[in-house]
């Protein structure tokens, strides 16, 4: 299937600024001959609009997803969540890896409350561990997981993990879209 306009533009940005070739150990512990330095793209102010629109375009093309706020695990998900917030007019939040020990504490930073519908975001996923960690923290808070999205699914496994939990999944791009095999 042909890529939609914002997907195609994101592929070009990833190829120019984010994809690296070499020997890498991924967050999942696996090794790879290629790596997406997602932050080299997602922290670029000139990419915020593209990222937000690419995610919303992907969700809409898949039948839609109603959500009140978007967010995910620090650090990779933060600029992605901000991009979605800018494009949609919705709120964003971040999930800390550990509860904060001062102030109001907790793992969630930002305006999200129990009972709200959230879109869980991530820049890239191989096994999906970071995204699943964010889902678990948000469910513990009492949020409703309306859906999940990643800019680049490089492992091809996350969809099945989310389906087993009845969470709609909206990957913007998959490894083959940037010239690589799943899991490579």
N, C-alpha and C. Protein backbone atom coordinates (compact mmCIF):
# COMPACT_ATOMS: atom_id res chain seq x y z
N UNK A 1 0.84 -1.17 0.00
CA UNK A 1 0.00 0.00 0.00
C UNK A 1 0.89 1.25 0.00
N UNK A 2 0.49 2.24 -0.75
CA UNK A 2 1.26 3.48 -0.84
C UNK A 2 1.18 4.26 0.47
N UNK A 3 2.25 4.94 0.79
CA UNK A 3 2.27 5.76 2.00
C UNK A 3 1.42 7.00 1.81
N UNK A 4 0.76 7.43 2.87
CA UNK A 4 0.02 8.69 2.85
C UNK A 4 1.04 9.83 2.88
N UNK A 5 0.63 11.06 2.51
CA UNK A 5 1.59 12.17 2.38
C UNK A 5 2.46 12.43 3.62
N UNK A 6 1.86 12.46 4.80
CA UNK A 6 2.66 12.75 5.99
C UNK A 6 3.57 11.58 6.35
N UNK A 7 3.15 10.36 6.04
CA UNK A 7 4.02 9.20 6.26
C UNK A 7 5.26 9.31 5.37
N UNK A 8 5.03 9.59 4.09
CA UNK A 8 6.14 9.69 3.14
C UNK A 8 7.12 10.79 3.56
N UNK A 9 6.60 11.91 4.01
CA UNK A 9 7.46 13.00 4.47
C UNK A 9 8.26 12.58 5.70
N UNK A 10 7.62 11.83 6.59
CA UNK A 10 8.31 11.36 7.80
C UNK A 10 9.42 10.37 7.45
N UNK A 11 9.20 9.52 6.47
CA UNK A 11 10.25 8.60 6.02
C UNK A 11 11.48 9.39 5.59
N UNK A 12 11.27 10.43 4.81
CA UNK A 12 12.39 11.24 4.33
C UNK A 12 13.13 11.91 5.48
N UNK A 13 12.40 12.43 6.46
CA UNK A 13 13.03 13.07 7.62
C UNK A 13 13.82 12.03 8.42
N UNK A 14 13.24 10.85 8.62
CA UNK A 14 13.96 9.79 9.34
C UNK A 14 15.24 9.42 8.61
N UNK A 15 15.17 9.27 7.29
CA UNK A 15 16.36 8.89 6.52
C UNK A 15 17.43 9.97 6.59
N UNK A 16 17.02 11.24 6.58
CA UNK A 16 17.99 12.33 6.60
C UNK A 16 18.58 12.57 7.99
N UNK A 17 17.76 12.48 9.02
CA UNK A 17 18.20 12.90 10.36
C UNK A 17 18.25 11.80 11.42
N UNK A 18 17.56 10.67 11.22
CA UNK A 18 17.41 9.74 12.32
C UNK A 18 17.97 8.35 12.17
N UNK A 19 17.99 7.80 10.96
CA UNK A 19 18.41 6.41 10.79
C UNK A 19 19.93 6.33 10.69
N UNK A 20 20.49 5.49 11.53
CA UNK A 20 21.94 5.28 11.56
C UNK A 20 22.23 3.82 11.24
N UNK A 21 23.32 3.59 10.55
CA UNK A 21 23.78 2.23 10.22
C UNK A 21 25.00 1.92 11.08
N UNK A 22 25.15 0.68 11.51
CA UNK A 22 26.28 0.27 12.35
C UNK A 22 25.88 -0.88 13.24
N UNK A 23 26.53 -1.00 14.38
CA UNK A 23 26.21 -2.04 15.37
C UNK A 23 25.61 -1.34 16.59
N UNK A 24 24.40 -1.72 16.96
CA UNK A 24 23.70 -1.05 18.05
C UNK A 24 23.06 -2.07 18.99
N UNK A 25 23.04 -1.75 20.28
CA UNK A 25 22.25 -2.50 21.25
C UNK A 25 21.02 -1.67 21.53
N UNK A 26 19.85 -2.26 21.32
CA UNK A 26 18.58 -1.56 21.48
C UNK A 26 18.11 -1.62 22.93
N UNK A 27 17.13 -0.78 23.27
CA UNK A 27 16.56 -0.78 24.63
C UNK A 27 16.00 -2.14 25.00
N UNK A 28 15.57 -2.90 24.00
CA UNK A 28 15.03 -4.24 24.23
C UNK A 28 16.13 -5.24 24.59
N UNK A 29 17.40 -4.83 24.41
CA UNK A 29 18.53 -5.72 24.65
C UNK A 29 19.01 -6.42 23.39
N UNK A 30 18.24 -6.32 22.33
CA UNK A 30 18.62 -6.94 21.06
C UNK A 30 19.69 -6.10 20.37
N UNK A 31 20.42 -6.72 19.46
CA UNK A 31 21.39 -5.98 18.66
C UNK A 31 20.83 -5.79 17.26
N UNK A 32 21.31 -4.74 16.61
CA UNK A 32 20.80 -4.40 15.28
C UNK A 32 21.88 -3.72 14.47
N UNK A 33 21.76 -3.83 13.16
CA UNK A 33 22.68 -3.15 12.25
C UNK A 33 22.16 -1.77 11.85
N UNK A 34 20.97 -1.43 12.33
CA UNK A 34 20.45 -0.08 12.09
C UNK A 34 19.71 0.41 13.33
N UNK A 35 19.63 1.72 13.44
CA UNK A 35 19.05 2.33 14.62
C UNK A 35 18.31 3.58 14.19
N UNK A 36 17.14 3.80 14.77
CA UNK A 36 16.45 5.07 14.58
C UNK A 36 16.71 5.92 15.81
N UNK A 37 17.48 6.98 15.64
CA UNK A 37 17.67 7.96 16.71
C UNK A 37 16.45 8.87 16.66
N UNK A 38 15.37 8.41 17.25
CA UNK A 38 14.10 9.12 17.19
C UNK A 38 14.19 10.54 17.70
N UNK A 39 14.98 10.74 18.74
CA UNK A 39 15.09 12.07 19.33
C UNK A 39 15.75 13.08 18.39
N UNK A 40 16.58 12.59 17.47
CA UNK A 40 17.20 13.49 16.49
C UNK A 40 16.14 14.07 15.55
N UNK A 41 14.97 13.44 15.51
CA UNK A 41 13.85 13.94 14.70
C UNK A 41 12.79 14.57 15.58
N UNK A 42 12.38 13.88 16.64
CA UNK A 42 11.23 14.34 17.42
C UNK A 42 11.50 15.60 18.24
N UNK A 43 12.77 15.90 18.53
CA UNK A 43 13.09 17.12 19.25
C UNK A 43 13.37 18.29 18.32
N UNK A 44 13.13 18.13 17.04
CA UNK A 44 13.29 19.21 16.07
C UNK A 44 11.98 20.00 15.98
N UNK A 45 12.03 21.27 16.29
CA UNK A 45 10.83 22.10 16.22
C UNK A 45 10.19 22.09 14.84
N UNK A 46 11.01 21.98 13.80
CA UNK A 46 10.46 21.98 12.44
C UNK A 46 9.78 20.66 12.09
N UNK A 47 9.82 19.68 12.98
CA UNK A 47 9.16 18.38 12.74
C UNK A 47 7.90 18.18 13.57
N UNK A 48 7.65 19.05 14.55
CA UNK A 48 6.49 18.86 15.43
C UNK A 48 5.19 18.75 14.65
N UNK A 49 4.96 19.68 13.74
CA UNK A 49 3.71 19.68 12.98
C UNK A 49 3.58 18.41 12.15
N UNK A 50 4.65 18.02 11.47
CA UNK A 50 4.63 16.81 10.65
C UNK A 50 4.32 15.58 11.49
N UNK A 51 4.96 15.44 12.64
CA UNK A 51 4.75 14.28 13.50
C UNK A 51 3.30 14.22 13.97
N UNK A 52 2.79 15.34 14.46
CA UNK A 52 1.41 15.37 14.93
C UNK A 52 0.42 15.03 13.83
N UNK A 53 0.62 15.62 12.66
CA UNK A 53 -0.30 15.35 11.54
C UNK A 53 -0.18 13.91 11.05
N UNK A 54 1.03 13.36 11.04
CA UNK A 54 1.22 11.97 10.59
C UNK A 54 0.48 11.01 11.52
N UNK A 55 0.55 11.27 12.82
CA UNK A 55 -0.15 10.41 13.78
C UNK A 55 -1.66 10.53 13.60
N UNK A 56 -2.16 11.75 13.54
CA UNK A 56 -3.61 11.94 13.40
C UNK A 56 -4.11 11.37 12.07
N UNK A 57 -3.34 11.53 11.00
CA UNK A 57 -3.69 10.97 9.69
C UNK A 57 -3.76 9.44 9.76
N UNK A 58 -2.81 8.83 10.45
CA UNK A 58 -2.78 7.37 10.60
C UNK A 58 -3.99 6.88 11.39
N UNK A 59 -4.29 7.56 12.47
CA UNK A 59 -5.44 7.17 13.30
C UNK A 59 -6.73 7.30 12.50
N UNK A 60 -6.89 8.41 11.81
CA UNK A 60 -8.10 8.64 11.02
C UNK A 60 -8.25 7.58 9.92
N UNK A 61 -7.16 7.25 9.25
CA UNK A 61 -7.20 6.25 8.18
C UNK A 61 -7.55 4.86 8.70
N UNK A 62 -7.35 4.65 10.00
CA UNK A 62 -7.64 3.35 10.62
C UNK A 62 -9.00 3.31 11.30
N UNK A 63 -9.80 4.33 11.10
CA UNK A 63 -11.14 4.35 11.67
C UNK A 63 -11.33 5.28 12.84
N UNK A 64 -10.27 5.95 13.26
CA UNK A 64 -10.38 6.94 14.31
C UNK A 64 -10.19 6.39 15.71
N UNK A 65 -10.01 7.32 16.63
CA UNK A 65 -9.78 7.00 18.04
C UNK A 65 -10.05 8.27 18.83
N UNK A 66 -11.03 8.23 19.71
CA UNK A 66 -11.35 9.39 20.54
C UNK A 66 -10.48 9.38 21.79
N UNK A 67 -9.77 10.47 22.03
CA UNK A 67 -8.91 10.55 23.22
C UNK A 67 -8.95 11.96 23.78
N UNK A 68 -8.66 12.07 25.08
CA UNK A 68 -8.65 13.35 25.77
C UNK A 68 -7.24 13.93 25.88
N UNK A 69 -6.24 13.05 25.94
CA UNK A 69 -4.85 13.49 26.11
C UNK A 69 -3.93 12.42 25.54
N UNK A 70 -2.73 12.84 25.18
CA UNK A 70 -1.73 11.93 24.61
C UNK A 70 -0.45 12.02 25.42
N UNK A 71 0.18 10.87 25.62
CA UNK A 71 1.45 10.86 26.35
C UNK A 71 2.05 9.48 26.40
N UNK A 72 3.22 9.42 27.01
CA UNK A 72 3.92 8.15 27.12
C UNK A 72 5.13 8.31 28.02
N UNK A 73 5.96 7.29 28.01
CA UNK A 73 7.10 7.21 28.92
C UNK A 73 8.20 8.21 28.54
N UNK A 74 8.75 8.89 29.57
CA UNK A 74 9.86 9.79 29.32
C UNK A 74 11.06 8.97 28.87
N UNK A 75 11.86 9.44 28.04
CA UNK A 75 11.97 10.72 27.40
C UNK A 75 11.42 10.65 25.97
N UNK A 76 11.50 9.50 25.34
CA UNK A 76 11.18 9.39 23.92
C UNK A 76 9.78 9.82 23.53
N UNK A 77 8.81 9.60 24.41
CA UNK A 77 7.43 9.91 24.07
C UNK A 77 7.07 11.38 24.25
N UNK A 78 7.85 12.12 25.01
CA UNK A 78 7.47 13.50 25.36
C UNK A 78 7.29 14.39 24.13
N UNK A 79 8.27 14.51 23.22
CA UNK A 79 8.04 15.37 22.07
C UNK A 79 6.95 14.83 21.14
N UNK A 80 6.77 13.52 21.10
CA UNK A 80 5.70 12.94 20.29
C UNK A 80 4.35 13.36 20.85
N UNK A 81 4.20 13.29 22.17
CA UNK A 81 2.96 13.71 22.82
C UNK A 81 2.69 15.19 22.59
N UNK A 82 3.72 16.01 22.68
CA UNK A 82 3.56 17.44 22.43
C UNK A 82 3.14 17.70 20.99
N UNK A 83 3.69 16.94 20.05
CA UNK A 83 3.32 17.08 18.64
C UNK A 83 1.85 16.75 18.43
N UNK A 84 1.37 15.68 19.07
CA UNK A 84 -0.04 15.31 18.96
C UNK A 84 -0.91 16.39 19.59
N UNK A 85 -0.49 16.91 20.74
CA UNK A 85 -1.25 17.97 21.40
C UNK A 85 -1.37 19.20 20.51
N UNK A 86 -0.27 19.59 19.88
CA UNK A 86 -0.30 20.76 18.99
C UNK A 86 -1.20 20.54 17.79
N UNK A 87 -1.16 19.35 17.21
CA UNK A 87 -1.95 19.06 16.00
C UNK A 87 -3.43 18.86 16.31
N UNK A 88 -3.74 18.37 17.50
CA UNK A 88 -5.12 18.02 17.83
C UNK A 88 -5.83 19.02 18.74
N UNK A 89 -5.06 19.86 19.41
CA UNK A 89 -5.66 20.75 20.40
C UNK A 89 -5.97 20.06 21.71
N UNK A 90 -5.50 18.81 21.86
CA UNK A 90 -5.73 18.05 23.09
C UNK A 90 -4.55 18.26 24.05
N UNK A 91 -4.67 17.71 25.24
CA UNK A 91 -3.62 17.84 26.25
C UNK A 91 -2.55 16.77 26.05
N UNK A 92 -1.40 17.01 26.69
CA UNK A 92 -0.33 16.00 26.68
C UNK A 92 0.14 15.77 28.12
N UNK A 93 0.83 14.66 28.31
CA UNK A 93 1.35 14.30 29.63
C UNK A 93 2.56 13.40 29.43
N UNK A 94 3.27 13.15 30.51
CA UNK A 94 4.42 12.24 30.48
C UNK A 94 4.30 11.25 31.63
N UNK A 95 4.79 10.04 31.39
CA UNK A 95 4.83 9.00 32.41
C UNK A 95 6.28 8.85 32.84
N UNK A 96 6.53 9.09 34.12
CA UNK A 96 7.88 8.95 34.65
C UNK A 96 8.22 7.47 34.84
N UNK A 97 9.51 7.17 34.78
CA UNK A 97 9.94 5.79 35.01
C UNK A 97 9.79 5.40 36.48
N UNK A 98 9.93 6.38 37.35
CA UNK A 98 9.79 6.16 38.80
C UNK A 98 8.92 7.29 39.37
N UNK A 99 8.18 7.02 40.44
CA UNK A 99 7.39 8.10 41.06
C UNK A 99 8.30 9.21 41.57
N UNK A 100 7.83 10.44 41.42
CA UNK A 100 8.56 11.59 41.93
C UNK A 100 8.41 11.62 43.44
N UNK A 101 9.50 11.88 44.15
CA UNK A 101 9.48 11.86 45.61
C UNK A 101 9.18 13.19 46.25
N UNK A 102 8.85 14.21 45.49
CA UNK A 102 8.55 15.52 46.07
C UNK A 102 7.39 16.14 45.29
N UNK A 103 6.96 17.31 45.72
CA UNK A 103 5.82 17.95 45.08
C UNK A 103 4.57 17.08 45.24
N UNK A 104 3.81 16.93 44.15
CA UNK A 104 2.61 16.09 44.24
C UNK A 104 2.93 14.62 44.01
N UNK A 105 4.19 14.33 43.66
CA UNK A 105 4.64 12.94 43.51
C UNK A 105 3.97 12.25 42.34
N UNK A 106 4.05 10.94 42.34
CA UNK A 106 3.41 10.14 41.30
C UNK A 106 4.26 9.96 40.06
N UNK A 107 3.76 9.12 39.18
CA UNK A 107 4.47 8.81 37.94
C UNK A 107 3.99 9.65 36.76
N UNK A 108 2.81 10.26 36.87
CA UNK A 108 2.24 10.98 35.74
C UNK A 108 2.46 12.48 35.92
N UNK A 109 3.04 13.13 34.90
CA UNK A 109 3.24 14.57 34.91
C UNK A 109 2.36 15.17 33.82
N UNK A 110 1.51 16.10 34.21
CA UNK A 110 0.64 16.73 33.23
C UNK A 110 -0.82 16.51 33.54
N UNK A 111 -1.67 17.19 32.79
CA UNK A 111 -3.10 17.20 33.07
C UNK A 111 -3.85 15.98 32.53
N UNK A 112 -3.82 14.88 33.27
CA UNK A 112 -4.59 13.69 32.93
C UNK A 112 -5.12 13.10 34.23
N UNK A 113 -6.36 12.62 34.19
CA UNK A 113 -7.04 12.16 35.40
C UNK A 113 -7.66 10.79 35.20
N UNK A 114 -7.94 10.09 36.29
CA UNK A 114 -8.63 8.81 36.19
C UNK A 114 -9.93 8.95 35.39
N UNK A 115 -10.21 7.94 34.58
CA UNK A 115 -11.43 7.94 33.77
C UNK A 115 -11.28 8.59 32.41
N UNK A 116 -10.19 9.31 32.19
CA UNK A 116 -10.00 9.95 30.89
C UNK A 116 -9.45 8.96 29.87
N UNK A 117 -9.78 9.22 28.59
CA UNK A 117 -9.31 8.39 27.48
C UNK A 117 -7.96 8.93 27.02
N UNK A 118 -6.97 8.05 27.00
CA UNK A 118 -5.62 8.49 26.63
C UNK A 118 -5.10 7.73 25.41
N UNK A 119 -4.32 8.44 24.62
CA UNK A 119 -3.58 7.85 23.51
C UNK A 119 -2.14 7.72 23.99
N UNK A 120 -1.63 6.51 24.03
CA UNK A 120 -0.26 6.28 24.49
C UNK A 120 0.65 6.33 23.26
N UNK A 121 1.71 7.13 23.34
CA UNK A 121 2.58 7.37 22.19
C UNK A 121 4.02 6.96 22.51
N UNK A 122 4.78 6.72 21.44
CA UNK A 122 6.20 6.41 21.57
C UNK A 122 6.85 6.77 20.24
N UNK A 123 8.17 7.06 20.27
CA UNK A 123 8.84 7.36 19.02
C UNK A 123 9.10 6.10 18.21
N UNK A 124 9.69 5.09 18.83
CA UNK A 124 9.98 3.84 18.12
C UNK A 124 9.82 2.67 19.08
N UNK A 125 9.53 1.50 18.53
CA UNK A 125 9.36 0.32 19.37
C UNK A 125 9.95 -0.89 18.67
N UNK A 126 10.65 -1.72 19.43
CA UNK A 126 11.11 -3.02 18.96
C UNK A 126 10.25 -4.09 19.62
N UNK A 127 10.38 -4.22 20.93
CA UNK A 127 9.54 -5.18 21.66
C UNK A 127 8.31 -4.51 22.25
N UNK A 128 8.36 -3.18 22.38
CA UNK A 128 7.23 -2.44 22.93
C UNK A 128 7.26 -2.26 24.43
N UNK A 129 8.39 -2.58 25.06
CA UNK A 129 8.48 -2.52 26.51
C UNK A 129 8.16 -1.16 27.11
N UNK A 130 8.67 -0.08 26.53
CA UNK A 130 8.42 1.26 27.07
C UNK A 130 6.96 1.64 26.95
N UNK A 131 6.36 1.34 25.82
CA UNK A 131 4.96 1.67 25.62
C UNK A 131 4.08 0.87 26.59
N UNK A 132 4.36 -0.40 26.76
CA UNK A 132 3.59 -1.24 27.68
C UNK A 132 3.76 -0.75 29.12
N UNK A 133 4.97 -0.31 29.48
CA UNK A 133 5.19 0.24 30.82
C UNK A 133 4.30 1.47 31.04
N UNK A 134 4.19 2.33 30.03
CA UNK A 134 3.33 3.51 30.13
C UNK A 134 1.86 3.09 30.24
N UNK A 135 1.43 2.12 29.45
CA UNK A 135 0.06 1.61 29.52
C UNK A 135 -0.25 1.13 30.93
N UNK A 136 0.65 0.34 31.50
CA UNK A 136 0.44 -0.20 32.85
C UNK A 136 0.29 0.92 33.88
N UNK A 137 1.15 1.94 33.80
CA UNK A 137 1.08 3.05 34.76
C UNK A 137 -0.23 3.83 34.60
N UNK A 138 -0.67 4.02 33.37
CA UNK A 138 -1.91 4.76 33.13
C UNK A 138 -3.13 3.97 33.56
N UNK A 139 -3.11 2.67 33.34
CA UNK A 139 -4.22 1.83 33.82
C UNK A 139 -4.27 1.83 35.34
N UNK A 140 -3.10 1.82 35.97
CA UNK A 140 -3.04 1.88 37.44
C UNK A 140 -3.65 3.18 37.96
N UNK A 141 -3.45 4.27 37.22
CA UNK A 141 -4.05 5.56 37.58
C UNK A 141 -5.56 5.55 37.38
N UNK A 142 -6.05 4.67 36.51
CA UNK A 142 -7.48 4.61 36.23
C UNK A 142 -7.88 5.21 34.90
N UNK A 143 -6.89 5.45 34.04
CA UNK A 143 -7.19 5.98 32.70
C UNK A 143 -7.71 4.86 31.80
N UNK A 144 -8.43 5.27 30.77
CA UNK A 144 -8.91 4.35 29.74
C UNK A 144 -7.94 4.46 28.57
N UNK A 145 -7.35 3.35 28.16
CA UNK A 145 -6.39 3.38 27.05
C UNK A 145 -7.20 3.33 25.76
N UNK A 146 -7.32 4.48 25.10
CA UNK A 146 -8.12 4.58 23.88
C UNK A 146 -7.38 4.01 22.68
N UNK A 147 -6.06 4.05 22.73
CA UNK A 147 -5.24 3.55 21.63
C UNK A 147 -3.78 3.79 21.92
N UNK A 148 -2.94 3.27 21.03
CA UNK A 148 -1.50 3.44 21.15
C UNK A 148 -0.92 3.65 19.76
N UNK A 149 0.13 4.45 19.69
CA UNK A 149 0.77 4.72 18.40
C UNK A 149 2.28 4.84 18.59
N UNK A 150 3.02 4.44 17.57
CA UNK A 150 4.46 4.68 17.51
C UNK A 150 4.76 5.28 16.15
N UNK A 151 5.78 6.11 16.09
CA UNK A 151 6.18 6.65 14.79
C UNK A 151 6.77 5.56 13.92
N UNK A 152 7.60 4.66 14.52
CA UNK A 152 8.21 3.58 13.75
C UNK A 152 8.20 2.29 14.57
N UNK A 153 7.48 1.30 14.07
CA UNK A 153 7.48 -0.03 14.67
C UNK A 153 8.56 -0.83 13.97
N UNK A 154 9.67 -1.05 14.64
CA UNK A 154 10.79 -1.76 14.02
C UNK A 154 10.79 -3.24 14.32
N UNK A 155 9.99 -3.68 15.30
CA UNK A 155 10.00 -5.08 15.70
C UNK A 155 8.85 -5.91 15.19
N UNK A 156 7.71 -5.28 14.95
CA UNK A 156 6.55 -5.99 14.45
C UNK A 156 5.81 -6.82 15.47
N UNK A 157 6.15 -6.68 16.76
CA UNK A 157 5.55 -7.50 17.81
C UNK A 157 4.51 -6.75 18.64
N UNK A 158 4.59 -5.45 18.66
CA UNK A 158 3.77 -4.66 19.57
C UNK A 158 2.28 -4.78 19.27
N UNK A 159 1.91 -4.86 18.02
CA UNK A 159 0.50 -4.96 17.66
C UNK A 159 -0.19 -6.14 18.33
N UNK A 160 0.47 -7.29 18.36
CA UNK A 160 -0.12 -8.49 18.98
C UNK A 160 -0.22 -8.32 20.50
N UNK A 161 0.79 -7.69 21.12
CA UNK A 161 0.73 -7.45 22.56
C UNK A 161 -0.45 -6.56 22.93
N UNK A 162 -0.65 -5.52 22.13
CA UNK A 162 -1.74 -4.59 22.40
C UNK A 162 -3.09 -5.23 22.08
N UNK A 163 -3.17 -6.00 21.01
CA UNK A 163 -4.42 -6.67 20.65
C UNK A 163 -4.86 -7.62 21.77
N UNK A 164 -3.90 -8.28 22.41
CA UNK A 164 -4.22 -9.19 23.51
C UNK A 164 -4.84 -8.44 24.69
N UNK A 165 -4.61 -7.13 24.74
CA UNK A 165 -5.17 -6.30 25.81
C UNK A 165 -6.33 -5.45 25.29
N UNK A 166 -6.77 -5.72 24.06
CA UNK A 166 -7.88 -4.99 23.42
C UNK A 166 -7.59 -3.49 23.29
N UNK A 167 -6.34 -3.16 22.98
CA UNK A 167 -5.94 -1.77 22.78
C UNK A 167 -5.70 -1.55 21.29
N UNK A 168 -6.45 -0.64 20.65
CA UNK A 168 -6.21 -0.35 19.24
C UNK A 168 -4.79 0.19 19.03
N UNK A 169 -4.17 -0.23 17.93
CA UNK A 169 -2.78 0.13 17.65
C UNK A 169 -2.68 0.82 16.30
N UNK A 170 -1.97 1.95 16.28
CA UNK A 170 -1.85 2.77 15.09
C UNK A 170 -0.38 3.10 14.80
N UNK A 171 0.40 2.15 14.26
CA UNK A 171 1.79 2.49 13.91
C UNK A 171 1.80 3.40 12.69
N UNK A 172 2.53 4.49 12.77
CA UNK A 172 2.62 5.41 11.63
C UNK A 172 3.43 4.76 10.52
N UNK A 173 4.58 4.19 10.87
CA UNK A 173 5.45 3.51 9.91
C UNK A 173 5.92 2.19 10.50
N UNK A 174 6.26 1.28 9.63
CA UNK A 174 6.84 0.00 10.02
C UNK A 174 8.24 -0.10 9.41
N UNK A 175 9.07 -0.98 9.96
CA UNK A 175 10.45 -1.12 9.49
C UNK A 175 10.55 -1.21 7.96
N UNK A 176 9.71 -2.00 7.28
CA UNK A 176 9.84 -2.07 5.81
C UNK A 176 9.64 -0.72 5.11
N UNK A 177 8.90 0.20 5.74
CA UNK A 177 8.68 1.52 5.13
C UNK A 177 9.96 2.33 5.04
N UNK A 178 10.95 2.01 5.89
CA UNK A 178 12.23 2.73 5.86
C UNK A 178 13.35 1.83 5.33
N UNK A 179 12.96 0.73 4.67
CA UNK A 179 13.94 -0.11 3.98
C UNK A 179 14.58 -1.21 4.81
N UNK A 180 13.96 -1.60 5.92
CA UNK A 180 14.52 -2.64 6.77
C UNK A 180 13.45 -3.68 7.09
N UNK A 181 13.89 -4.89 7.43
CA UNK A 181 12.96 -5.94 7.81
C UNK A 181 12.59 -5.79 9.28
N UNK A 182 11.38 -6.25 9.64
CA UNK A 182 11.00 -6.30 11.05
C UNK A 182 12.03 -7.11 11.82
N UNK A 183 12.39 -6.60 13.00
CA UNK A 183 13.29 -7.34 13.89
C UNK A 183 14.74 -7.35 13.48
N UNK A 184 15.07 -6.67 12.38
CA UNK A 184 16.48 -6.69 11.91
C UNK A 184 17.32 -5.66 12.63
